[in-house]
Amino acid sequence: MTKGSGPALIAATDSDHERPTLKTIAAATGLAIATVSRALNDAPDIGEETKRRVRETASQLGYRPNRAALRLRTGKTNVIAVTLSTVSDMSNPSQLIYSIADALRGTSYHLVVTPFFPDQDPMDPIRYIVETESADGIVLNQTTVNDRRVRYLSEKGFPFVTHGRTSMGIDHPYFDFDNESYARIAVRALHARGRANLLLVRPPADHSYSVHMTEGFVTGAQNLGLRHEIMDHITSDTPADDIEAAVLARFLRQPQIDGILTGSPSAAVAAVAGAEKAGKTIGRDFDIVSKEAHSFLRRFRKEIIVVKEDVGRAGAFLSRALMAAIERRAPERGQYLDRPDQVDLD
């Protein structure tokens, strides 16, 4: 080693490990720094081929935007937050998160998941995000009829979308599965199999989709002259062991029950287990209907009647609507009610 070569070698090594910047990408692509920046932010005046080249180069170089600098420069974090309850069915949250993340690929936005727990005020994570400005927008799940989170975010002017509707007179972007239609379809399917004594294991009563599902169940059963009742003390969010025990007790007390409608796949599995413990055979003594996002239930019991819920479509729609809200532009469509039209009997 010659005199003076040590510092030079150290400097070169440090340079090799410097964090890539917009300038680095510009040098690699031959584009202006401003063009690189706009391409990474999905600017409409930048061509798709240029955006693709810039994103590929950024990925190859390991580029990550400096969040602190971005926030100081633009007032934005390029973060979207999804708030999810830790009490939920087995498939929908993962599918929703995946579909949102997939829709954000190739954009400047990144996804964070903020959970809230059964013993926690659901307003806590919302206030934290807004007060700390730790995200540019929020995706809300499991809306209630009079949702305090929606009112708070609307009053604050903070961008948000909801997976589910509200009944508050507040116009906001949402994607919702038509649970009233789902329940009517389920009741008709049970009736078609000769079932006349129906039981509903519904979601928590204060959730909007529980209100819609209950209305469809009751109205559908009344129109067909079917006996119907709603499980008390448990919901589709109740732990599986408790649902199983409650359904077992109900069948032992009322053996004439022959049709069940549930609000989630996990509730359906638990309800089947409870009925079978009571000595009932699915497809012979009773039938059950559930909705699901993944093809799981018919692998558990092929006799289960399934209505598909496309949670992937929900995530993609909500992502686009929220990005439009953050960027203060009109979305292609701000509200969507996804209506099921058939059951899966194959």
Protein backbone atom coordinates (compact mmCIF):
# COMPACT_ATOMS: atom_id res chain seq x y z
CA MET A 1 0.00 0.00 0.00
CA THR A 2 1.45 3.36 -1.00
CA LYS A 3 1.36 6.39 1.21
CA GLY A 4 -2.01 8.10 0.99
CA SER A 5 -3.78 5.14 -0.58
CA GLY A 6 -5.56 4.21 2.68
CA PRO A 7 -7.88 7.25 2.90
CA ALA A 8 -8.58 7.08 -0.84
CA LEU A 9 -9.55 3.43 -0.57
CA ILE A 10 -11.80 4.13 2.43
CA ALA A 11 -13.47 7.00 0.62
CA ALA A 12 -14.16 4.82 -2.42
CA THR A 13 -15.62 2.08 -0.24
CA ASP A 14 -17.87 4.55 1.61
CA SER A 15 -19.03 5.94 -1.72
CA ASP A 16 -20.01 2.46 -2.91
CA HIS A 17 -22.35 2.19 0.08
CA GLU A 18 -23.93 5.62 -0.13
CA ARG A 19 -27.70 5.61 -0.18
CA PRO A 20 -29.02 5.95 -3.78
CA THR A 21 -30.72 9.27 -4.49
CA LEU A 22 -32.75 10.81 -7.27
CA LYS A 23 -29.45 12.09 -8.65
CA THR A 24 -28.14 8.51 -8.78
CA ILE A 25 -31.16 7.35 -10.74
CA ALA A 26 -30.93 10.36 -13.06
CA ALA A 27 -27.29 9.56 -13.82
CA ALA A 28 -28.13 5.91 -14.51
CA THR A 29 -31.04 6.68 -16.82
CA GLY A 30 -29.78 9.84 -18.47
CA LEU A 31 -32.90 11.71 -17.37
CA ALA A 32 -33.23 14.97 -15.50
CA ILE A 33 -33.66 14.76 -11.73
CA ALA A 34 -37.05 16.48 -12.01
CA THR A 35 -38.20 13.90 -14.56
CA VAL A 36 -37.08 11.05 -12.30
CA SER A 37 -38.95 12.55 -9.37
CA ARG A 38 -42.15 13.00 -11.36
CA ALA A 39 -41.90 9.49 -12.79
CA LEU A 40 -41.59 7.97 -9.33
CA ASN A 41 -44.63 9.99 -8.25
CA ASP A 42 -46.68 8.69 -11.21
CA ALA A 43 -47.12 12.14 -12.75
CA PRO A 44 -49.67 12.00 -15.61
CA ASP A 45 -47.43 13.96 -18.00
CA ILE A 46 -44.67 11.32 -17.86
CA GLY A 47 -44.91 8.44 -20.34
CA GLU A 48 -45.49 4.88 -19.09
CA GLU A 49 -42.26 3.61 -20.67
CA THR A 50 -40.26 6.31 -18.87
CA LYS A 51 -42.00 5.49 -15.59
CA ARG A 52 -41.23 1.80 -16.05
CA ARG A 53 -37.56 2.47 -16.80
CA VAL A 54 -37.18 4.79 -13.81
CA ARG A 55 -38.89 2.35 -11.43
CA GLU A 56 -36.81 -0.58 -12.63
CA THR A 57 -33.60 1.43 -12.23
CA ALA A 58 -34.66 2.60 -8.78
CA SER A 59 -35.39 -0.99 -7.76
CA GLN A 60 -32.05 -2.25 -9.10
CA LEU A 61 -30.19 0.49 -7.24
CA GLY A 62 -32.10 -0.16 -4.02
CA TYR A 63 -33.53 3.35 -3.96
CA ARG A 64 -35.76 4.28 -1.04
CA PRO A 65 -37.17 7.81 -0.67
CA ASN A 66 -36.09 9.75 2.39
CA ARG A 67 -39.38 10.09 4.24
CA ALA A 68 -38.26 12.97 6.41
CA ALA A 69 -36.99 14.96 3.44
CA LEU A 70 -40.10 14.14 1.42
CA ARG A 71 -42.35 15.34 4.22
CA LEU A 72 -40.42 18.58 4.61
CA ARG A 73 -40.48 19.20 0.87
CA THR A 74 -44.05 18.20 0.01
CA GLY A 75 -45.91 17.83 3.29
CA LYS A 76 -46.61 14.21 2.29
CA THR A 77 -45.40 10.86 3.63
CA ASN A 78 -46.47 8.68 0.67
CA VAL A 79 -47.81 6.27 3.27
CA ILE A 80 -51.30 4.76 3.30
CA ALA A 81 -52.51 3.27 6.59
CA VAL A 82 -54.99 0.42 6.92
CA THR A 83 -56.63 0.09 10.33
CA LEU A 84 -57.78 -3.45 11.12
CA SER A 85 -59.42 -5.03 14.11
CA THR A 86 -57.58 -8.00 15.56
CA VAL A 87 -60.98 -9.72 15.86
CA SER A 88 -62.03 -10.81 12.38
CA ASP A 89 -62.62 -13.85 10.21
CA MET A 90 -59.84 -16.03 8.89
CA SER A 91 -59.35 -14.77 5.34
CA ASN A 92 -60.66 -11.29 4.59
CA PRO A 93 -58.00 -9.13 6.31
CA SER A 94 -55.07 -10.87 4.62
CA GLN A 95 -56.76 -10.71 1.23
CA LEU A 96 -57.67 -7.04 1.71
CA ILE A 97 -54.10 -6.12 2.73
CA TYR A 98 -52.63 -8.07 -0.20
CA SER A 99 -54.95 -6.48 -2.77
CA ILE A 100 -54.27 -2.95 -1.47
CA ALA A 101 -50.52 -3.56 -1.48
CA ASP A 102 -50.72 -5.02 -4.98
CA ALA A 103 -52.65 -1.98 -6.24
CA LEU A 104 -49.96 0.32 -4.80
CA ARG A 105 -47.13 -1.46 -6.62
CA GLY A 106 -45.46 0.85 -9.08
CA THR A 107 -46.78 3.96 -7.32
CA SER A 108 -45.02 6.21 -4.84
CA TYR A 109 -47.23 4.97 -1.98
CA HIS A 110 -46.38 2.42 0.66
CA LEU A 111 -48.68 0.52 2.99
CA VAL A 112 -48.64 0.25 6.78
CA VAL A 113 -51.10 -1.76 8.87
CA THR A 114 -52.30 -0.32 12.17
CA PRO A 115 -54.19 -2.80 14.38
CA PHE A 116 -56.63 -2.03 17.15
CA PHE A 117 -57.63 -4.47 19.87
CA PRO A 118 -60.99 -5.45 21.40
CA ASP A 119 -60.26 -3.54 24.62
CA GLN A 120 -59.09 -0.44 22.74
CA ASP A 121 -61.04 2.59 21.56
CA PRO A 122 -61.02 2.30 17.73
CA MET A 123 -60.52 6.07 17.64
CA ASP A 124 -57.05 5.74 19.19
CA PRO A 125 -55.13 4.68 16.05
CA ILE A 126 -57.08 7.18 13.94
CA ARG A 127 -56.22 10.12 16.17
CA TYR A 128 -52.59 9.01 16.31
CA ILE A 129 -52.26 8.89 12.51
CA VAL A 130 -53.93 12.27 12.04
CA GLU A 131 -52.17 14.06 14.89
CA THR A 132 -48.70 12.74 14.02
CA GLU A 133 -49.29 13.08 10.27
CA SER A 134 -47.76 9.62 9.90
CA ALA A 135 -49.80 8.78 6.78
CA ASP A 136 -51.44 10.64 3.91
CA GLY A 137 -54.66 8.65 4.00
CA ILE A 138 -56.48 5.87 5.85
CA VAL A 139 -58.45 2.79 4.84
CA LEU A 140 -61.12 1.96 7.44
CA ASN A 141 -62.60 -1.50 7.85
CA GLN A 142 -65.67 -2.83 9.71
CA THR A 143 -67.65 0.40 9.63
CA THR A 144 -70.53 1.04 11.99
CA VAL A 145 -73.83 2.72 11.17
CA ASN A 146 -72.79 5.87 13.03
CA ASP A 147 -69.02 5.61 12.78
CA ARG A 148 -67.09 8.08 14.95
CA ARG A 149 -63.98 7.54 12.85
CA VAL A 150 -65.75 8.66 9.70
CA ARG A 151 -67.14 11.77 11.39
CA TYR A 152 -63.74 12.67 12.86
CA LEU A 153 -61.83 12.23 9.58
CA SER A 154 -64.49 14.09 7.64
CA GLU A 155 -64.37 17.03 10.05
CA LYS A 156 -60.57 17.06 9.91
CA GLY A 157 -60.57 16.95 6.11
CA PHE A 158 -58.21 13.96 6.27
CA PRO A 159 -58.33 11.63 3.22
CA PHE A 160 -59.96 8.27 3.91
CA VAL A 161 -61.99 5.48 2.33
CA THR A 162 -64.07 2.77 3.98
CA HIS A 163 -64.56 -0.92 3.40
CA GLY A 164 -68.24 -0.77 4.24
CA ARG A 165 -70.96 1.87 4.28
CA THR A 166 -72.30 4.18 6.97
CA SER A 167 -75.69 5.83 7.59
CA MET A 168 -74.59 9.25 8.77
CA GLY A 169 -75.48 11.57 5.93
CA ILE A 170 -71.75 12.00 5.23
CA ASP A 171 -70.75 11.44 1.63
CA HIS A 172 -67.44 9.52 1.50
CA PRO A 173 -65.67 6.99 -0.73
CA TYR A 174 -66.45 3.35 0.02
CA PHE A 175 -66.50 -0.18 -1.32
CA ASP A 176 -69.08 -2.49 0.20
CA PHE A 177 -70.28 -6.02 -0.34
CA ASP A 178 -74.09 -6.10 -0.56
CA ASN A 179 -74.80 -8.18 2.53
CA GLU A 180 -78.54 -7.66 2.25
CA SER A 181 -78.52 -9.32 -1.18
CA TYR A 182 -76.19 -12.00 0.18
CA ALA A 183 -78.65 -12.88 2.95
CA ARG A 184 -81.61 -12.97 0.54
CA ILE A 185 -79.67 -15.28 -1.81
CA ALA A 186 -78.72 -17.49 1.15
CA VAL A 187 -82.32 -17.75 2.37
CA ARG A 188 -83.52 -18.68 -1.12
CA ALA A 189 -80.79 -21.32 -1.41
CA LEU A 190 -81.80 -22.86 1.91
CA HIS A 191 -85.47 -22.78 0.94
CA ALA A 192 -84.62 -24.51 -2.36
CA ARG A 193 -83.18 -27.37 -0.32
CA GLY A 194 -86.38 -27.68 1.67
CA ARG A 195 -85.15 -25.90 4.79
CA ALA A 196 -87.87 -24.11 6.79
CA ASN A 197 -86.37 -23.33 10.23
CA LEU A 198 -83.48 -20.90 9.83
CA LEU A 199 -80.84 -19.55 12.19
CA LEU A 200 -78.60 -16.52 11.63
CA VAL A 201 -75.12 -16.12 13.17
CA ARG A 202 -74.63 -12.49 12.27
CA PRO A 203 -71.73 -10.03 12.67
CA PRO A 204 -71.66 -7.67 15.68
CA ALA A 205 -74.95 -5.76 15.71
CA ASP A 206 -73.40 -2.28 15.54
CA HIS A 207 -71.53 -3.05 12.30
CA SER A 208 -73.16 -1.75 9.15
CA TYR A 209 -72.89 -5.05 7.32
CA SER A 210 -74.65 -6.79 10.21
CA VAL A 211 -77.62 -4.42 9.85
CA HIS A 212 -77.80 -5.12 6.11
CA MET A 213 -77.38 -8.87 6.54
CA THR A 214 -80.06 -9.04 9.23
CA GLU A 215 -82.52 -7.09 7.10
CA GLY A 216 -81.97 -9.40 4.14
CA PHE A 217 -82.31 -12.50 6.31
CA VAL A 218 -85.50 -11.42 8.06
CA THR A 219 -87.20 -10.02 4.96
CA GLY A 220 -86.17 -12.98 2.81
CA ALA A 221 -87.46 -15.50 5.36
CA GLN A 222 -90.73 -13.62 5.87
CA ASN A 223 -91.37 -13.44 2.14
CA LEU A 224 -90.99 -17.22 1.88
CA GLY A 225 -92.95 -17.98 5.06
CA LEU A 226 -89.95 -19.53 6.82
CA ARG A 227 -89.41 -19.66 10.56
CA HIS A 228 -86.33 -17.64 11.43
CA GLU A 229 -84.33 -16.52 14.44
CA ILE A 230 -81.10 -14.71 15.23
CA MET A 231 -78.50 -16.11 17.58
CA ASP A 232 -78.17 -14.03 20.72
CA HIS A 233 -75.06 -13.63 22.89
CA ILE A 234 -72.72 -14.62 20.06
CA THR A 235 -71.72 -13.13 16.70
CA SER A 236 -69.61 -14.24 13.76
CA ASP A 237 -66.67 -12.49 15.50
CA THR A 238 -67.12 -14.56 18.69
CA PRO A 239 -64.32 -17.09 19.37
CA ALA A 240 -64.91 -20.33 17.50
CA ASP A 241 -65.21 -22.47 20.65
CA ASP A 242 -68.04 -20.26 21.91
CA ILE A 243 -69.88 -20.34 18.56
CA GLU A 244 -69.57 -24.12 18.48
CA ALA A 245 -70.93 -24.45 22.02
CA ALA A 246 -73.80 -22.04 21.37
CA VAL A 247 -74.88 -23.80 18.16
CA LEU A 248 -74.66 -27.18 19.90
CA ALA A 249 -76.89 -25.93 22.71
CA ARG A 250 -79.37 -24.41 20.26
CA PHE A 251 -79.68 -27.67 18.26
CA LEU A 252 -80.18 -29.70 21.43
CA ARG A 253 -82.89 -27.27 22.54
CA GLN A 254 -84.47 -26.79 19.09
CA PRO A 255 -83.73 -29.86 16.94
CA GLN A 256 -86.10 -28.60 14.22
CA ILE A 257 -83.49 -26.04 13.05
CA ASP A 258 -82.39 -27.10 9.57
CA GLY A 259 -80.76 -24.06 7.97
CA ILE A 260 -77.95 -21.76 9.12
CA LEU A 261 -76.66 -18.50 7.67
CA THR A 262 -73.32 -17.13 8.92
CA GLY A 263 -71.40 -13.87 8.53
CA SER A 264 -67.91 -15.35 8.12
CA PRO A 265 -66.06 -18.54 7.15
CA SER A 266 -64.74 -19.07 10.69
CA ALA A 267 -68.28 -18.85 12.07
CA ALA A 268 -69.45 -21.37 9.48
CA VAL A 269 -66.78 -23.89 10.46
CA ALA A 270 -67.62 -23.48 14.15
CA ALA A 271 -71.37 -23.75 13.49
CA VAL A 272 -70.91 -26.97 11.51
CA ALA A 273 -68.83 -28.40 14.36
CA GLY A 274 -71.56 -27.53 16.86
CA ALA A 275 -74.32 -29.05 14.74
CA GLU A 276 -72.32 -32.23 14.19
CA LYS A 277 -71.72 -32.55 17.94
CA ALA A 278 -75.51 -32.47 18.29
CA GLY A 279 -75.67 -35.52 16.02
CA LYS A 280 -76.70 -33.63 12.87
CA THR A 281 -75.35 -34.42 9.41
CA ILE A 282 -74.77 -31.58 6.97
CA GLY A 283 -76.67 -32.02 3.73
CA ARG A 284 -79.11 -34.43 5.34
CA ASP A 285 -80.33 -32.83 8.58
CA PHE A 286 -79.27 -29.25 7.92
CA ASP A 287 -77.62 -26.96 5.40
CA ILE A 288 -75.43 -23.92 5.96
CA VAL A 289 -74.55 -20.87 3.85
CA SER A 290 -71.52 -18.63 4.24
CA LYS A 291 -69.66 -16.07 2.19
CA GLU A 292 -65.90 -16.26 1.72
CA ALA A 293 -63.05 -14.67 -0.20
CA HIS A 294 -60.94 -17.84 -0.53
CA SER A 295 -61.98 -21.31 -1.69
CA PHE A 296 -61.68 -23.00 1.69
CA LEU A 297 -65.07 -23.93 3.07
CA ARG A 298 -65.95 -26.57 0.51
CA ARG A 299 -62.66 -28.30 1.24
CA PHE A 300 -63.77 -28.48 4.87
CA ARG A 301 -67.28 -29.74 4.04
CA LYS A 302 -68.25 -30.05 0.39
CA GLU A 303 -71.93 -29.61 1.28
CA ILE A 304 -71.50 -26.00 2.47
CA ILE A 305 -73.30 -23.48 0.27
CA VAL A 306 -70.89 -20.64 -0.56
CA VAL A 307 -71.39 -17.11 -1.84
CA LYS A 308 -68.18 -15.56 -3.16
CA GLU A 309 -67.00 -12.18 -1.84
CA ASP A 310 -64.33 -10.52 -3.97
CA VAL A 311 -62.17 -8.81 -1.35
CA GLY A 312 -59.40 -8.42 -3.94
CA ARG A 313 -61.65 -6.16 -5.98
CA ALA A 314 -62.40 -4.19 -2.83
CA GLY A 315 -58.72 -3.54 -2.09
CA ALA A 316 -57.95 -2.42 -5.63
CA PHE A 317 -60.94 -0.07 -5.70
CA LEU A 318 -60.19 1.43 -2.29
CA SER A 319 -56.54 2.02 -3.21
CA ARG A 320 -57.46 3.96 -6.33
CA ALA A 321 -60.14 5.96 -4.54
CA LEU A 322 -57.82 6.86 -1.68
CA MET A 323 -54.96 7.95 -3.94
CA ALA A 324 -57.43 10.22 -5.73
CA ALA A 325 -58.61 11.66 -2.40
CA ILE A 326 -55.02 12.30 -1.26
CA GLU A 327 -54.16 13.98 -4.54
CA ARG A 328 -57.37 16.06 -4.45
CA ARG A 329 -58.65 14.78 -7.76
CA ALA A 330 -61.92 13.17 -8.73
CA PRO A 331 -61.77 9.36 -8.68
CA GLU A 332 -62.92 7.26 -11.60
CA ARG A 333 -65.61 6.04 -9.21
CA GLY A 334 -65.85 6.93 -5.53
CA GLN A 335 -68.43 4.42 -4.28
CA TYR A 336 -69.13 0.83 -5.22
CA LEU A 337 -71.67 -1.72 -3.97
CA ASP A 338 -70.65 -5.23 -4.99
CA ARG A 339 -73.79 -7.33 -5.49
CA PRO A 340 -73.49 -11.15 -5.37
CA ASP A 341 -75.67 -12.99 -7.85
CA GLN A 342 -75.21 -16.72 -7.21
CA VAL A 343 -74.15 -19.47 -4.84
CA ASP A 344 -71.34 -21.96 -5.34
CA LEU A 345 -72.68 -25.52 -5.27
CA ASP A 346 -69.93 -27.21 -7.34
